[in-house]
Amino acid sequence: MRQISVLGCGWLGLPLAKALLQQEFTVKGSTTTSEKLPSLNQAGIKAYLIELESDKAPLNIGDFLEGSETLIIAIPPRLRGKNKDYSDANANSFVKKITMLLPTIEKAAISHLLFVSSTAIYGDINTDIYESTPPQPQTESGKQLLEIEQILQQQTAFKTTIVRFGGLIGPNRNPARFMAGKEGISNPDAAVNLIEQEDCINIILRIIATNTWGEDFNAAAPYHPGREKYYTAKAIEQGLVPPVFDHSKPSEGKTINSDKLIKMLNYTFINTTL
């Protein structure tokens, strides 16, 4: 039996779980919303209600992992909690929540782990970004994602592959609406680093199919126009009010290079013009 556990059946994890079912995997999936359990089960996913906590592992995490060879963690950090100033970030520490899972993962039969991370670990350093580029996270989520990456890669009970996605677009994430009508937007000349949901799923499927473990990949479509050019065109394309950018300061950004992924996985991006 080929079984995979997907921790986080949300915007990315749910269609990924469905794609795994189509490839004849048995799939266990988690959600934090009890109302979603019936729809997961109806889709053929064995559903679990799992809420990560920073001081203890969920009681049912062992059952969720039992029988799976691979664990995919596809959960956004959600560090802010109730306070927008991050004053309760420690209580909502994503690092602590993932660390609490490690003893159970080690006891289970998990041999491979795929962690969905973000290119936010690099910060905006006005250069091309490769996997060898030293991380310089500037946000709290970027800092915690980097720490989790390092913790997972140090584990010896299983092999971890990290996939750092750029900005996620696709169903219910329309890039034309990200900035339409807004004013005073900074960094007009910074490159966009986006990736469609379909490519995200296909990249993960390719990693599993090729048994590419113990690696890290940057993943953004090889299409990097400036933010002003891209978001203005998208707004006009859909009849929305174009954004207004601030040119008073030099733009800060980065350009994500996905050559390692393209070459090692022999992968061709489906959506390159976004």
Protein backbone atom coordinates (compact mmCIF):
# COMPACT_ATOMS: atom_id res chain seq x y z
CA MET A 1 0.00 0.00 0.00
CA ARG A 2 1.33 3.41 -0.96
CA GLN A 3 0.06 5.85 1.63
CA ILE A 4 0.80 9.53 2.14
CA SER A 5 -0.29 11.84 4.96
CA VAL A 6 -0.99 15.46 3.98
CA LEU A 7 -0.91 17.76 6.99
CA GLY A 8 -2.98 20.73 5.93
CA CYS A 9 -5.68 20.14 3.32
CA GLY A 10 -6.17 23.78 2.49
CA TRP A 11 -5.76 25.83 -0.68
CA LEU A 12 -2.75 23.76 -1.80
CA GLY A 13 -3.01 20.61 0.28
CA LEU A 14 -6.54 19.61 -0.76
CA PRO A 15 -6.02 19.61 -4.55
CA LEU A 16 -2.64 17.97 -3.94
CA ALA A 17 -4.32 15.20 -1.93
CA LYS A 18 -6.85 14.70 -4.74
CA ALA A 19 -4.02 14.50 -7.28
CA LEU A 20 -2.31 11.85 -5.15
CA LEU A 21 -5.54 9.83 -5.08
CA GLN A 22 -5.58 9.91 -8.88
CA GLN A 23 -2.11 8.37 -8.82
CA GLU A 24 -3.51 5.54 -6.69
CA PHE A 25 -2.04 6.60 -3.37
CA THR A 26 -4.02 6.11 -0.21
CA VAL A 27 -4.22 9.56 1.37
CA LYS A 28 -4.77 10.73 4.92
CA GLY A 29 -5.49 14.45 5.19
CA SER A 30 -5.91 16.93 8.00
CA THR A 31 -8.01 20.03 8.51
CA THR A 32 -8.57 22.39 11.43
CA THR A 33 -12.26 22.80 10.57
CA SER A 34 -14.71 20.06 11.56
CA GLU A 35 -17.15 21.19 8.85
CA LYS A 36 -14.61 20.17 6.20
CA LEU A 37 -14.31 16.57 7.41
CA PRO A 38 -17.30 15.18 5.41
CA SER A 39 -16.10 16.71 2.12
CA LEU A 40 -12.60 15.28 2.61
CA ASN A 41 -13.99 11.82 3.30
CA GLN A 42 -16.34 12.07 0.33
CA ALA A 43 -13.34 12.86 -1.88
CA GLY A 44 -11.70 9.61 -0.77
CA ILE A 45 -9.32 11.22 1.74
CA LYS A 46 -9.26 9.72 5.22
CA ALA A 47 -9.88 12.91 7.17
CA TYR A 48 -8.49 13.96 10.54
CA LEU A 49 -9.24 17.03 12.63
CA ILE A 50 -5.80 18.25 13.71
CA GLU A 51 -4.96 21.58 15.32
CA LEU A 52 -1.26 22.11 15.98
CA GLU A 53 -0.28 23.51 19.37
CA SER A 54 2.98 24.99 20.58
CA ASP A 55 3.11 23.07 23.89
CA LYS A 56 2.01 19.55 22.94
CA ALA A 57 1.43 17.26 19.98
CA PRO A 58 -2.17 16.58 18.87
CA LEU A 59 -3.53 13.39 20.44
CA ASN A 60 -4.45 11.86 17.08
CA ILE A 61 -1.21 12.65 15.24
CA GLY A 62 -0.02 9.05 15.67
CA ASP A 63 -3.12 7.67 13.96
CA PHE A 64 -2.75 10.27 11.23
CA LEU A 65 0.80 9.13 10.46
CA GLU A 66 0.33 5.39 10.94
CA GLY A 67 0.98 3.42 7.77
CA SER A 68 2.32 6.34 5.74
CA GLU A 69 5.77 6.37 4.20
CA THR A 70 5.65 10.06 3.29
CA LEU A 71 4.43 13.11 5.19
CA ILE A 72 3.70 16.39 3.41
CA ILE A 73 3.44 19.49 5.59
CA ALA A 74 1.49 22.17 3.73
CA ILE A 75 0.47 24.58 6.46
CA PRO A 76 0.92 28.38 6.37
CA PRO A 77 2.56 29.71 9.55
CA ARG A 78 -0.32 31.99 10.76
CA LEU A 79 1.97 33.52 13.35
CA ARG A 80 0.04 36.62 14.21
CA GLY A 81 -2.72 34.98 16.16
CA LYS A 82 -5.12 37.67 17.34
CA ASN A 83 -2.56 40.45 17.57
CA LYS A 84 -1.39 42.12 14.37
CA ASP A 85 1.79 43.38 16.04
CA TYR A 86 3.00 39.77 16.56
CA SER A 87 2.98 40.28 20.35
CA ASP A 88 1.51 36.80 20.74
CA ALA A 89 3.73 35.23 18.07
CA ASN A 90 5.54 33.14 20.68
CA ALA A 91 2.31 31.44 21.72
CA ASN A 92 1.57 30.83 18.04
CA SER A 93 5.16 29.79 17.24
CA PHE A 94 5.16 27.69 14.10
CA VAL A 95 8.61 26.41 15.05
CA LYS A 96 7.29 25.05 18.34
CA LYS A 97 4.24 23.53 16.69
CA ILE A 98 6.31 21.60 14.16
CA THR A 99 8.92 20.63 16.75
CA MET A 100 6.17 19.07 18.88
CA LEU A 101 5.46 16.64 16.03
CA LEU A 102 8.99 15.30 15.68
CA PRO A 103 8.92 12.54 18.34
CA THR A 104 5.75 11.07 16.83
CA ILE A 105 7.10 11.35 13.29
CA GLU A 106 10.24 9.51 14.39
CA LYS A 107 8.19 6.70 15.95
CA ALA A 108 6.04 6.33 12.85
CA ALA A 109 7.10 4.63 9.64
CA ILE A 110 7.69 7.98 7.93
CA SER A 111 10.81 7.79 5.81
CA HIS A 112 10.30 10.91 3.69
CA LEU A 113 9.01 14.37 4.57
CA LEU A 114 8.20 17.20 2.18
CA PHE A 115 7.95 20.64 3.75
CA VAL A 116 6.25 23.45 1.86
CA SER A 117 8.25 26.58 2.63
CA SER A 118 8.52 30.01 1.05
CA THR A 119 11.02 32.19 -0.78
CA ALA A 120 10.42 34.66 2.08
CA ILE A 121 13.43 33.08 3.79
CA TYR A 122 15.67 35.10 1.45
CA GLY A 123 14.37 38.61 2.05
CA ASP A 124 14.66 41.36 -0.56
CA ILE A 125 18.33 41.66 -1.44
CA ASN A 126 18.19 42.92 -5.06
CA THR A 127 19.85 39.93 -6.68
CA ASP A 128 19.16 36.61 -8.35
CA ILE A 129 18.34 33.99 -5.73
CA TYR A 130 19.64 30.41 -5.90
CA GLU A 131 19.44 27.60 -3.36
CA SER A 132 23.05 28.46 -2.44
CA THR A 133 22.14 32.07 -1.63
CA PRO A 134 22.50 32.74 2.12
CA PRO A 135 19.01 33.26 3.61
CA GLN A 136 18.27 36.71 5.01
CA PRO A 137 14.64 36.57 6.18
CA GLN A 138 13.13 39.96 7.01
CA THR A 139 9.69 38.86 8.22
CA GLU A 140 8.70 36.81 11.26
CA SER A 141 7.21 34.10 9.05
CA GLY A 142 10.37 33.96 6.94
CA LYS A 143 12.53 33.62 10.05
CA GLN A 144 10.42 30.80 11.48
CA LEU A 145 10.19 28.96 8.17
CA LEU A 146 13.98 29.03 7.88
CA GLU A 147 14.36 27.67 11.42
CA ILE A 148 11.93 24.86 10.68
CA GLU A 149 13.78 24.01 7.47
CA GLN A 150 17.03 23.70 9.42
CA ILE A 151 15.43 21.58 12.15
CA LEU A 152 13.85 19.17 9.66
CA GLN A 153 17.00 18.82 7.57
CA GLN A 154 18.96 17.87 10.70
CA GLN A 155 16.72 14.88 11.43
CA THR A 156 18.16 11.45 10.70
CA ALA A 157 15.02 9.30 11.13
CA PHE A 158 13.67 10.55 7.79
CA LYS A 159 14.86 12.48 4.74
CA THR A 160 13.41 15.95 4.17
CA THR A 161 12.96 17.81 0.92
CA ILE A 162 12.15 21.52 1.11
CA VAL A 163 10.16 23.31 -1.60
CA ARG A 164 10.21 27.11 -1.35
CA PHE A 165 7.33 28.45 -3.42
CA GLY A 166 7.06 32.04 -4.60
CA GLY A 167 3.76 33.89 -4.44
CA LEU A 168 0.89 31.46 -4.87
CA ILE A 169 -1.76 32.20 -7.48
CA GLY A 170 -4.61 30.19 -8.93
CA PRO A 171 -8.19 29.43 -7.84
CA ASN A 172 -9.42 32.18 -5.48
CA ARG A 173 -6.02 33.87 -5.68
CA ASN A 174 -6.38 36.21 -8.60
CA PRO A 175 -3.23 38.32 -9.10
CA ALA A 176 -5.29 41.09 -10.73
CA ARG A 177 -7.05 41.68 -7.41
CA PHE A 178 -3.94 41.70 -5.23
CA MET A 179 -3.24 45.39 -5.78
CA ALA A 180 -6.06 46.72 -7.97
CA GLY A 181 -7.08 50.23 -6.96
CA LYS A 182 -4.39 50.61 -4.31
CA GLU A 183 -2.12 53.63 -4.17
CA GLY A 184 1.38 54.41 -2.98
CA ILE A 185 2.66 50.87 -3.56
CA SER A 186 6.39 50.50 -3.05
CA ASN A 187 8.97 48.64 -5.17
CA PRO A 188 7.48 49.20 -8.64
CA ASP A 189 10.54 47.76 -10.41
CA ALA A 190 10.99 44.69 -8.19
CA ALA A 191 10.55 41.40 -10.04
CA VAL A 192 7.46 39.29 -9.48
CA ASN A 193 8.07 35.73 -8.29
CA LEU A 194 4.81 33.86 -8.68
CA ILE A 195 3.76 30.28 -9.23
CA GLU A 196 0.44 28.72 -10.22
CA GLN A 197 -1.23 26.11 -8.03
CA GLU A 198 -1.07 23.58 -10.87
CA ASP A 199 2.71 23.88 -11.07
CA CYS A 200 3.03 23.59 -7.28
CA ILE A 201 1.13 20.31 -7.32
CA ASN A 202 3.01 18.90 -10.31
CA ILE A 203 6.38 19.75 -8.77
CA ILE A 204 5.48 17.91 -5.56
CA LEU A 205 4.21 14.92 -7.55
CA ARG A 206 7.46 14.86 -9.51
CA ILE A 207 9.54 14.89 -6.32
CA ILE A 208 7.59 11.90 -5.01
CA ALA A 209 7.68 10.03 -8.32
CA THR A 210 11.45 10.45 -8.66
CA ASN A 211 12.23 9.83 -4.96
CA THR A 212 14.12 13.09 -4.78
CA TRP A 213 14.69 13.42 -1.04
CA GLY A 214 17.19 15.34 1.02
CA GLU A 215 17.07 18.31 -1.37
CA ASP A 216 15.91 21.92 -1.33
CA PHE A 217 14.27 23.66 -4.28
CA ASN A 218 13.25 27.20 -5.10
CA ALA A 219 10.04 27.22 -7.14
CA ALA A 220 8.78 30.24 -9.06
CA ALA A 221 7.74 30.46 -12.68
CA PRO A 222 10.58 31.67 -14.95
CA TYR A 223 8.75 34.92 -15.70
CA HIS A 224 9.82 37.99 -13.75
CA PRO A 225 8.45 41.30 -15.03
CA GLY A 226 8.46 44.31 -12.72
CA ARG A 227 5.61 44.61 -10.23
CA GLU A 228 4.19 47.79 -11.74
CA LYS A 229 4.19 46.37 -15.27
CA TYR A 230 2.68 43.05 -14.21
CA TYR A 231 -0.05 44.19 -11.82
CA THR A 232 -1.09 47.14 -13.99
CA ALA A 233 -1.50 44.83 -16.99
CA LYS A 234 -3.47 42.30 -14.94
CA ALA A 235 -5.82 44.97 -13.58
CA ILE A 236 -6.50 46.39 -17.07
CA GLU A 237 -6.96 42.88 -18.45
CA GLN A 238 -9.83 42.26 -16.03
CA GLY A 239 -11.36 45.73 -16.11
CA LEU A 240 -10.15 46.72 -12.65
CA VAL A 241 -8.65 49.99 -11.44
CA PRO A 242 -4.87 49.82 -11.97
CA PRO A 243 -2.68 50.26 -8.90
CA VAL A 244 -0.57 53.37 -8.40
CA PHE A 245 3.06 52.81 -7.50
CA ASP A 246 5.44 55.02 -5.54
CA HIS A 247 8.67 55.81 -7.43
CA SER A 248 10.16 58.05 -4.73
CA LYS A 249 12.47 55.32 -3.39
CA PRO A 250 14.63 52.71 -5.17
CA SER A 251 12.91 49.37 -5.58
CA GLU A 252 13.95 46.46 -3.39
CA GLY A 253 13.28 42.86 -4.34
CA LYS A 254 14.74 39.61 -5.63
CA THR A 255 14.52 37.27 -8.60
CA ILE A 256 13.96 33.61 -7.77
CA ASN A 257 15.90 31.20 -9.97
CA SER A 258 14.36 27.73 -10.35
CA ASP A 259 17.05 26.20 -12.58
CA LYS A 260 17.97 23.51 -10.02
CA LEU A 261 14.39 22.25 -9.93
CA ILE A 262 14.05 22.39 -13.72
CA LYS A 263 17.25 20.41 -14.28
CA MET A 264 17.15 17.90 -11.41
CA LEU A 265 13.47 17.04 -11.82
CA ASN A 266 13.43 17.52 -15.60
CA TYR A 267 10.47 19.80 -15.00
CA THR A 268 8.81 22.17 -17.44
CA PHE A 269 6.59 24.86 -15.96
CA ILE A 270 3.05 24.71 -17.32
CA ASN A 271 2.26 28.34 -16.61
CA THR A 272 5.11 30.67 -17.54
CA THR A 273 3.30 33.90 -18.40
CA LEU A 274 0.97 33.84 -15.38
